């Protein structure tokens, strides 16, 4: 596998896990934010409306009590206006709560049941309230008080209990949302820590694998390989490295094998150069010896020619009066030529060399 592929796989795995941590963190944060939005924007708003309903009911009951006890007409009118204002506020809060229940997907059946019960309580309390107000306006305070105690009080108690149930439901939903948010945070924290630890471990393993692969391919540290290559490039083939414990396919072993072979080749060339120099020296010495022998042979031939001329000159008078037939001189001439060739061959063959062999091949085997 190529180094680029190894690095790409290692960093790709680590980056993928980091991306998974980031993505899961964002998803978890969005879930937690949704829980908080539900608490703040939905449950708290509904709880606020439920408290408004409860306060409206309580305030109207107080105003009715005041009407039943007061005798001043202006004070009674003030309390009546207060009741109307609270009734309008109750209606607005009730409608807003109903709208939220209809639009929300998280509205439970319990909330819908309590909401319907609030409507029934209001419908039951409205005629009793009007009856108590009419009796108070007719100056029948005792009758009005009796209506408040005997008729309105049970309805009021049920009505207030229903508003408290609505408030309790909203508080319970807030608690559930808070628990869900805490659970989501704890779950996200644990998973992100696990993914982060896995990413760290994966990065360490990838680094070890890549480092080990590169070290095995190089056979050592990159600086050591560079130093060996630099020594070889400078011509230093004597200093080698130890290859024990290195991979046979590594760069360092290949460089050491190349250095050893180059060193063997250079030593062989040096040995051949010495042998060639010695052979050239022998050839030069043989050439000198051949030259000396050739000069000696030439001198011998010149001396032989001089003697023959002298002999011929000394025999010149006898040619006029020969005592022997002319044919008797022929064997003597052949004998001298034969002796001359034998002497020349013995001189030239005393040390065989290329030049003597060539001379021997070209030397005539018979006299002219």
Protein backbone atom coordinates (compact mmCIF):
# COMPACT_ATOMS: atom_id res chain seq x y z
CA UNK A 1 0.00 0.00 0.00
CA UNK A 2 1.31 3.43 -0.92
CA UNK A 3 2.29 5.95 1.75
CA UNK A 4 -0.31 8.40 0.46
CA UNK A 5 -3.03 5.74 0.79
CA UNK A 6 -1.95 4.86 4.33
CA UNK A 7 -1.92 8.49 5.43
CA UNK A 8 -5.23 9.13 3.72
CA UNK A 9 -6.88 6.17 5.43
CA UNK A 10 -5.47 7.06 8.86
CA UNK A 11 -6.42 10.71 8.78
CA UNK A 12 -9.71 9.90 7.06
CA UNK A 13 -10.78 7.57 9.88
CA UNK A 14 -9.80 10.07 12.56
CA UNK A 15 -11.54 12.95 10.79
CA UNK A 16 -14.64 10.82 10.22
CA UNK A 17 -14.89 10.02 13.91
CA UNK A 18 -14.38 13.66 14.83
CA UNK A 19 -17.10 14.59 12.34
CA UNK A 20 -19.37 11.98 13.96
CA UNK A 21 -18.68 13.52 17.37
CA UNK A 22 -19.48 16.97 16.02
CA UNK A 23 -22.67 15.82 14.29
CA UNK A 24 -23.91 13.92 17.33
CA UNK A 25 -23.11 16.90 19.55
CA UNK A 26 -25.11 19.21 17.31
CA UNK A 27 -28.06 16.80 17.23
CA UNK A 28 -27.99 16.40 21.00
CA UNK A 29 -27.79 20.15 21.52
CA UNK A 30 -30.78 20.64 19.24
CA UNK A 31 -32.74 18.05 21.26
CA UNK A 32 -31.83 19.74 24.54
CA UNK A 33 -32.76 23.11 23.05
CA UNK A 34 -36.11 21.68 21.98
CA UNK A 35 -36.75 20.51 25.56
CA UNK A 36 -35.92 23.94 26.92
CA UNK A 37 -38.11 25.62 24.32
CA UNK A 38 -40.95 23.33 25.34
CA UNK A 39 -40.45 24.29 28.97
CA UNK A 40 -40.08 28.02 28.39
CA UNK A 41 -42.39 28.69 25.46
CA UNK A 42 -45.09 26.06 26.00
CA UNK A 43 -45.31 24.74 29.54
CA UNK A 44 -44.44 27.97 31.30
CA UNK A 45 -46.86 29.95 29.14
CA UNK A 46 -49.64 27.43 29.79
CA UNK A 47 -48.82 27.44 33.50
CA UNK A 48 -49.02 31.24 33.49
CA UNK A 49 -52.46 31.11 31.87
CA UNK A 50 -53.60 28.49 34.41
CA UNK A 51 -52.45 30.77 37.24
CA UNK A 52 -54.39 33.64 35.62
CA UNK A 53 -57.53 31.49 35.61
CA UNK A 54 -57.05 30.62 39.27
CA UNK A 55 -56.46 34.25 40.27
CA UNK A 56 -59.51 35.35 38.27
CA UNK A 57 -61.75 32.85 40.06
CA UNK A 58 -60.33 33.77 43.47
CA UNK A 59 -60.66 37.52 42.84
CA UNK A 60 -64.27 37.17 41.67
CA UNK A 61 -65.17 35.20 44.79
CA UNK A 62 -63.67 37.95 46.94
CA UNK A 63 -65.61 40.63 45.03
CA UNK A 64 -68.88 38.66 45.51
CA UNK A 65 -68.22 38.43 49.24
CA UNK A 66 -67.70 42.19 49.36
CA UNK A 67 -70.91 42.83 47.44
CA UNK A 68 -72.85 40.66 49.88
CA UNK A 69 -71.43 42.56 52.86
CA UNK A 70 -71.44 46.15 51.57
CA UNK A 71 -74.42 48.47 51.72
CA UNK A 72 -72.91 51.44 49.89
CA UNK A 73 -74.15 51.57 46.33
CA UNK A 74 -70.92 53.06 44.95
CA UNK A 75 -68.85 50.39 46.63
CA UNK A 76 -71.14 47.70 45.28
CA UNK A 77 -70.76 49.11 41.75
CA UNK A 78 -67.00 49.11 42.13
CA UNK A 79 -67.02 45.43 43.09
CA UNK A 80 -69.38 44.64 40.22
CA UNK A 81 -66.94 46.30 37.78
CA UNK A 82 -64.16 44.30 39.35
CA UNK A 83 -66.11 41.09 38.74
CA UNK A 84 -66.70 42.01 35.09
CA UNK A 85 -63.01 42.80 34.61
CA UNK A 86 -61.97 39.49 36.14
CA UNK A 87 -64.52 37.68 33.99
CA UNK A 88 -63.08 39.25 30.84
CA UNK A 89 -59.56 38.34 31.94
CA UNK A 90 -60.68 34.79 32.66
CA UNK A 91 -62.25 34.52 29.21
CA UNK A 92 -59.10 35.80 27.50
CA UNK A 93 -56.86 33.42 29.44
CA UNK A 94 -59.19 30.52 28.79
CA UNK A 95 -59.30 31.22 25.03
CA UNK A 96 -55.49 31.57 24.86
CA UNK A 97 -55.06 28.30 26.71
CA UNK A 98 -57.53 26.59 24.39
CA UNK A 99 -55.67 27.91 21.35
CA UNK A 100 -52.37 26.53 22.67
CA UNK A 101 -53.96 23.17 23.38
CA UNK A 102 -55.35 22.97 19.86
CA UNK A 103 -52.10 24.01 18.14
CA UNK A 104 -49.69 21.98 20.24
CA UNK A 105 -48.88 18.35 19.44
CA UNK A 106 -47.78 17.69 23.01
CA UNK A 107 -51.19 18.36 24.62
CA UNK A 108 -52.14 15.37 26.75
CA UNK A 109 -55.57 13.89 27.31
CA UNK A 110 -55.43 14.95 30.94
CA UNK A 111 -54.97 18.55 29.95
CA UNK A 112 -57.91 18.39 27.57
CA UNK A 113 -60.10 16.81 30.24
CA UNK A 114 -59.17 19.47 32.83
CA UNK A 115 -59.72 22.19 30.24
CA UNK A 116 -63.23 20.90 29.51
CA UNK A 117 -63.90 20.69 33.26
CA UNK A 118 -62.95 24.37 33.64
CA UNK A 119 -65.60 25.25 31.10
CA UNK A 120 -68.18 23.21 32.99
CA UNK A 121 -67.21 24.84 36.30
CA UNK A 122 -67.55 28.31 34.82
CA UNK A 123 -70.93 27.44 33.32
CA UNK A 124 -72.11 26.14 36.71
CA UNK A 125 -70.82 29.16 38.66
CA UNK A 126 -72.07 31.91 36.32
CA UNK A 127 -75.83 31.78 37.24
CA UNK A 128 -75.07 31.51 40.95
CA UNK A 129 -72.83 34.59 40.73
CA UNK A 130 -75.59 36.55 38.96
CA UNK A 131 -78.08 35.43 41.57
CA UNK A 132 -75.88 36.61 44.47
CA UNK A 133 -75.32 39.97 42.78
CA UNK A 134 -79.10 40.46 42.26
CA UNK A 135 -79.83 39.69 45.92
CA UNK A 136 -77.12 42.12 47.06
CA UNK A 137 -78.52 44.87 44.83
CA UNK A 138 -82.00 44.21 46.32
CA UNK A 139 -80.58 44.80 49.79
CA UNK A 140 -81.05 41.20 50.71
CA UNK A 141 -77.60 40.65 52.13
CA UNK A 142 -78.53 37.64 54.22
CA UNK A 143 -80.03 35.84 51.26
CA UNK A 144 -76.99 36.74 49.17
CA UNK A 145 -74.67 35.43 51.86
CA UNK A 146 -76.70 32.22 52.09
CA UNK A 147 -76.40 31.77 48.30
CA UNK A 148 -72.67 32.30 48.51
CA UNK A 149 -72.31 29.78 51.31
CA UNK A 150 -74.76 27.13 50.29
CA UNK A 151 -74.74 27.26 46.50
CA UNK A 152 -71.60 28.99 45.28
CA UNK A 153 -69.10 27.65 47.79
CA UNK A 154 -69.17 23.98 46.55
CA UNK A 155 -68.94 25.13 42.94
CA UNK A 156 -66.15 27.55 43.84
CA UNK A 157 -64.25 24.79 45.65
CA UNK A 158 -64.55 22.49 42.64
CA UNK A 159 -63.62 25.32 40.29
CA UNK A 160 -60.50 26.26 42.26
CA UNK A 161 -59.53 22.60 42.47
CA UNK A 162 -59.75 22.33 38.69
CA UNK A 163 -57.53 25.38 38.18
CA UNK A 164 -55.03 23.88 40.63
CA UNK A 165 -55.13 20.64 38.66
CA UNK A 166 -54.32 22.58 35.48
CA UNK A 167 -51.40 24.31 37.22
CA UNK A 168 -50.18 20.94 38.56
CA UNK A 169 -50.33 19.42 35.09
CA UNK A 170 -48.18 22.23 33.68
CA UNK A 171 -45.70 21.89 36.54
CA UNK A 172 -45.55 18.15 35.95
CA UNK A 173 -44.87 18.68 32.25
CA UNK A 174 -42.09 21.10 33.17
CA UNK A 175 -40.57 18.47 35.42
CA UNK A 176 -40.79 15.85 32.67
CA UNK A 177 -39.20 18.20 30.16
CA UNK A 178 -36.42 19.04 32.61
CA UNK A 179 -35.76 15.36 33.25
CA UNK A 180 -35.73 14.68 29.51
CA UNK A 181 -33.27 17.53 28.98
CA UNK A 182 -31.03 16.24 31.77
CA UNK A 183 -31.19 12.71 30.37
CA UNK A 184 -30.43 13.96 26.86
CA UNK A 185 -27.48 15.95 28.18
CA UNK A 186 -26.11 12.97 30.12
CA UNK A 187 -26.59 10.66 27.14
CA UNK A 188 -24.97 13.10 24.76
CA UNK A 189 -22.09 13.65 27.15
CA UNK A 190 -21.44 9.91 27.52
CA UNK A 191 -21.65 9.23 23.78
CA UNK A 192 -19.44 12.20 22.89
CA UNK A 193 -16.86 11.13 25.45
CA UNK A 194 -16.96 7.59 24.07
CA UNK A 195 -16.63 8.79 20.48
CA UNK A 196 -13.85 11.19 21.47
CA UNK A 197 -11.97 8.40 23.24
CA UNK A 198 -12.50 6.12 20.24
CA UNK A 199 -11.22 8.86 17.92
CA UNK A 200 -8.13 9.35 20.08
CA UNK A 201 -7.44 5.61 20.22
CA UNK A 202 -8.02 5.29 16.49
CA UNK A 203 -5.61 8.16 15.85
CA UNK A 204 -2.97 6.54 18.07
CA UNK A 205 -3.40 3.15 16.37
CA UNK A 206 -3.33 4.74 12.91
CA UNK A 207 -0.18 6.69 13.82
CA UNK A 208 1.52 3.54 15.13
CA UNK A 209 0.53 1.51 12.08
CA UNK A 210 1.64 4.18 9.62
CA UNK A 211 4.88 4.83 11.52
CA UNK A 212 5.65 1.14 11.73
CA UNK A 213 4.91 0.65 8.04
CA UNK A 214 7.13 3.56 7.03
CA UNK A 215 9.93 2.44 9.36
CA UNK A 216 9.68 -1.10 8.03
CA UNK A 217 9.74 0.13 4.42
CA UNK A 218 12.72 2.41 5.12
CA UNK A 219 14.51 -0.08 7.36
CA UNK A 220 15.36 2.67 9.83
CA UNK A 221 15.11 6.38 10.30
CA UNK A 222 14.92 8.59 7.18
CA UNK A 223 18.05 10.47 8.33
CA UNK A 224 20.05 7.24 8.41
CA UNK A 225 18.94 6.35 4.88
CA UNK A 226 19.87 9.85 3.68
CA UNK A 227 23.32 9.57 5.31
CA UNK A 228 24.02 6.19 3.67
CA UNK A 229 22.89 7.44 0.25
CA UNK A 230 25.09 10.53 0.67
CA UNK A 231 28.16 8.37 1.51
CA UNK A 232 27.54 6.21 -1.55
CA UNK A 233 27.11 9.30 -3.73
CA UNK A 234 30.44 10.67 -2.42
CA UNK A 235 32.22 7.42 -3.37
CA UNK A 236 32.63 5.99 0.15
CA UNK A 237 31.88 2.31 -0.39
CA UNK A 238 33.79 0.94 2.58
CA UNK A 239 31.56 2.02 5.48
CA UNK A 240 28.53 -0.27 5.62
CA UNK A 241 25.63 -0.66 8.02
CA UNK A 242 24.29 -3.59 10.04
CA UNK A 243 21.26 -5.20 8.38
CA UNK A 244 20.32 -7.47 11.28
CA UNK A 245 16.73 -7.00 12.33
CA UNK A 246 15.81 -5.03 9.21
CA UNK A 247 13.27 -6.09 6.62
CA UNK A 248 14.89 -7.65 3.51
CA UNK A 249 12.66 -5.47 1.33
CA UNK A 250 13.53 -2.23 3.11
CA UNK A 251 15.31 0.74 1.58
CA UNK A 252 18.28 0.50 3.96
CA UNK A 253 18.93 -3.15 3.08
CA UNK A 254 18.66 -2.33 -0.63
CA UNK A 255 21.13 0.54 -0.23
CA UNK A 256 23.53 -1.69 1.72
CA UNK A 257 23.26 -4.41 -0.96
CA UNK A 258 23.96 -1.83 -3.65
CA UNK A 259 26.97 -0.52 -1.70
CA UNK A 260 28.38 -4.02 -1.25
CA UNK A 261 27.97 -4.87 -4.94
CA UNK A 262 29.46 -1.58 -6.05
CA UNK A 263 32.39 -2.19 -3.70
CA UNK A 264 32.89 -5.69 -5.17
CA UNK A 265 32.77 -4.29 -8.71
CA UNK A 266 35.30 -1.56 -7.88
CA UNK A 267 37.65 -4.08 -6.22
CA UNK A 268 37.35 -6.33 -9.27
CA UNK A 269 38.17 -3.41 -11.55
CA UNK A 270 41.18 -2.55 -9.39
CA UNK A 271 42.44 -6.15 -9.49
CA UNK A 272 41.96 -6.27 -13.27
CA UNK A 273 43.81 -2.98 -13.61
CA UNK A 274 46.77 -4.37 -11.65
CA UNK A 275 46.78 -7.54 -13.79
CA UNK A 276 46.59 -5.47 -16.98
CA UNK A 277 49.45 -3.27 -15.76
CA UNK A 278 51.61 -6.31 -15.01
CA UNK A 279 50.80 -7.86 -18.40
CA UNK A 280 51.64 -4.58 -20.13
CA UNK A 281 54.95 -4.44 -18.25
CA UNK A 282 55.78 -7.97 -19.35
CA UNK A 283 54.87 -7.16 -22.94
CA UNK A 284 57.06 -4.05 -22.84
CA UNK A 285 59.96 -6.07 -21.39
CA UNK A 286 59.46 -8.74 -24.07
CA UNK A 287 59.46 -6.03 -26.70
CA UNK A 288 62.76 -4.66 -25.37
CA UNK A 289 64.27 -8.15 -25.29
CA UNK A 290 63.06 -8.83 -28.82
CA UNK A 291 64.52 -5.53 -29.98
CA UNK A 292 67.87 -6.42 -28.44
CA UNK A 293 67.81 -9.89 -29.99
CA UNK A 294 66.82 -8.43 -33.35
CA UNK A 295 69.72 -5.99 -33.20
CA UNK A 296 72.08 -8.82 -32.19
CA UNK A 297 70.76 -10.97 -35.03
CA UNK A 298 71.19 -8.11 -37.48
CA UNK A 299 74.74 -7.62 -36.27
CA UNK A 300 75.39 -11.35 -36.62
CA UNK A 301 73.97 -11.32 -40.13
CA UNK A 302 76.07 -8.31 -41.02
CA UNK A 303 79.15 -10.04 -39.63
CA UNK A 304 78.30 -13.20 -41.59
CA UNK A 305 77.88 -11.17 -44.77
CA UNK A 306 81.19 -9.41 -44.16
CA UNK A 307 82.95 -12.74 -43.65
CA UNK A 308 81.37 -14.15 -46.76
CA UNK A 309 82.50 -11.17 -48.78
CA UNK A 310 85.94 -11.55 -47.29
CA UNK A 311 85.94 -15.21 -48.04
CA UNK A 312 84.75 -14.56 -51.58
CA UNK A 313 87.44 -11.96 -52.05
CA UNK A 314 90.06 -14.38 -50.74
CA UNK A 315 88.85 -17.05 -53.15
CA UNK A 316 88.73 -14.83 -56.19
CA UNK A 317 92.12 -15.86 -57.74
CA UNK A 318 91.36 -19.53 -57.44
CA UNK A 319 88.29 -19.11 -59.59
CA UNK A 320 90.53 -18.76 -62.60
CA UNK A 321 92.20 -22.04 -61.88
CA UNK A 322 89.68 -24.09 -59.99
CA UNK A 323 91.04 -27.26 -58.46
CA UNK A 324 87.54 -28.63 -57.83
CA UNK A 325 84.44 -28.57 -59.88
CA UNK A 326 82.08 -25.64 -59.31
CA UNK A 327 79.36 -27.93 -58.13
CA UNK A 328 81.37 -28.83 -55.02
CA UNK A 329 80.76 -25.30 -53.54
CA UNK A 330 77.02 -25.66 -53.48
CA UNK A 331 76.71 -27.97 -50.47
CA UNK A 332 78.98 -25.66 -48.50
CA UNK A 333 76.71 -22.69 -49.18
CA UNK A 334 73.62 -24.61 -48.20
CA UNK A 335 75.29 -25.81 -45.04
CA UNK A 336 76.16 -22.23 -44.04
CA UNK A 337 72.63 -21.03 -44.71
CA UNK A 338 71.20 -23.90 -42.70
CA UNK A 339 73.49 -23.11 -39.77
CA UNK A 340 72.52 -19.41 -39.94
CA UNK A 341 68.79 -20.24 -39.81
CA UNK A 342 69.30 -22.61 -36.90
CA UNK A 343 71.22 -19.96 -34.96
CA UNK A 344 68.54 -17.36 -35.64
CA UNK A 345 65.74 -19.70 -34.54
CA UNK A 346 67.55 -20.64 -31.36
CA UNK A 347 67.91 -16.96 -30.48
CA UNK A 348 64.30 -16.08 -31.24
CA UNK A 349 62.77 -19.13 -29.57
CA UNK A 350 64.74 -18.80 -26.37
CA UNK A 351 61.78 -16.64 -24.94
CA UNK A 352 58.45 -17.16 -26.65
CA UNK A 353 56.35 -14.04 -27.10
CA UNK A 354 53.92 -12.64 -29.57
CA UNK A 355 56.55 -10.89 -31.64
CA UNK A 356 58.79 -14.04 -31.85
CA UNK A 357 55.79 -16.15 -32.83
CA UNK A 358 54.92 -13.68 -35.59
CA UNK A 359 58.53 -13.62 -36.73
CA UNK A 360 58.63 -17.41 -36.67
CA UNK A 361 55.51 -17.62 -38.83
CA UNK A 362 56.97 -15.23 -41.36
CA UNK A 363 60.51 -16.67 -41.33
CA UNK A 364 61.39 -18.55 -44.59
CA UNK A 365 61.88 -22.28 -44.24
CA UNK A 366 64.14 -22.65 -47.34
CA UNK A 367 66.82 -20.50 -48.88
CA UNK A 368 66.27 -18.75 -52.12
